């Protein structure tokens, strides 16, 4: 490809994949924090991972890896 922007369709972008994977890990960590008794460290870690997923998706989209 020569300086042409890649075309992605319906959420199959690197930005969507990165955001979704990080968010899934964040939900799993947060849920584990609830299951293991109220383990606040895991719950807060899951919440931080959800924020990281949002930021990563926005940054990657603005870099041209999103739709």
Protein backbone atom coordinates (compact mmCIF):
# COMPACT_ATOMS: atom_id res chain seq x y z
CA UNK A 1 0.00 0.00 0.00
CA UNK A 2 1.26 3.40 -0.88
CA UNK A 3 0.08 6.07 1.54
CA UNK A 4 -3.50 4.93 1.08
CA UNK A 5 -5.61 4.64 4.20
CA UNK A 6 -6.56 1.04 4.97
CA UNK A 7 -10.26 0.38 4.91
CA UNK A 8 -11.73 -1.39 7.90
CA UNK A 9 -15.32 -2.46 8.23
CA UNK A 10 -17.76 -2.86 11.13
CA UNK A 11 -15.54 -2.88 14.19
CA UNK A 12 -12.77 -5.01 12.75
CA UNK A 13 -10.17 -2.34 13.40
CA UNK A 14 -7.07 -2.52 15.56
CA UNK A 15 -8.57 0.19 17.78
CA UNK A 16 -11.75 -1.83 18.35
CA UNK A 17 -9.84 -5.05 19.01
CA UNK A 18 -7.45 -3.42 21.48
CA UNK A 19 -10.26 -1.66 23.34
CA UNK A 20 -12.40 -4.78 23.48
CA UNK A 21 -9.63 -7.06 24.70
CA UNK A 22 -8.47 -4.65 27.40
CA UNK A 23 -12.08 -4.07 28.50
CA UNK A 24 -12.74 -7.82 28.68
CA UNK A 25 -9.69 -8.30 30.88
CA UNK A 26 -10.83 -5.37 33.05
CA UNK A 27 -14.29 -6.88 33.51
CA UNK A 28 -12.78 -10.28 34.36
CA UNK A 29 -10.41 -8.77 36.94
CA UNK A 30 -13.23 -6.73 38.49
CA UNK A 31 -15.55 -9.72 38.63
CA UNK A 32 -12.81 -11.79 40.24
CA UNK A 33 -12.51 -9.06 42.85
CA UNK A 34 -16.19 -9.45 43.71
CA UNK A 35 -16.07 -13.27 43.75
CA UNK A 36 -13.05 -13.48 46.07
CA UNK A 37 -14.82 -11.50 48.75
CA UNK A 38 -14.78 -7.78 48.36
CA UNK A 39 -11.16 -7.48 47.23
CA UNK A 40 -11.02 -3.75 46.57
CA UNK A 41 -7.57 -3.88 44.97
CA UNK A 42 -8.85 -6.16 42.18
CA UNK A 43 -12.05 -4.15 41.77
CA UNK A 44 -10.10 -0.90 41.38
CA UNK A 45 -7.62 -2.58 39.03
CA UNK A 46 -10.53 -3.71 36.85
CA UNK A 47 -11.94 -0.18 36.83
CA UNK A 48 -8.56 1.27 35.83
CA UNK A 49 -8.29 -1.27 33.01
CA UNK A 50 -11.69 -0.16 31.72
CA UNK A 51 -10.47 3.43 31.61
CA UNK A 52 -7.28 2.29 29.84
CA UNK A 53 -9.43 0.47 27.26
CA UNK A 54 -11.40 3.64 26.56
CA UNK A 55 -8.27 5.75 26.25
CA UNK A 56 -6.51 3.18 24.04
CA UNK A 57 -9.49 2.99 21.70
CA UNK A 58 -9.69 6.75 21.33
CA UNK A 59 -5.94 7.19 20.84
CA UNK A 60 -5.71 4.40 18.27
CA UNK A 61 -8.72 5.75 16.39
CA UNK A 62 -7.16 9.20 16.20
CA UNK A 63 -3.92 7.64 14.98
CA UNK A 64 -5.83 6.21 12.03
CA UNK A 65 -6.32 2.65 13.25
CA UNK A 66 -10.06 3.00 13.76
CA UNK A 67 -13.14 3.72 11.77
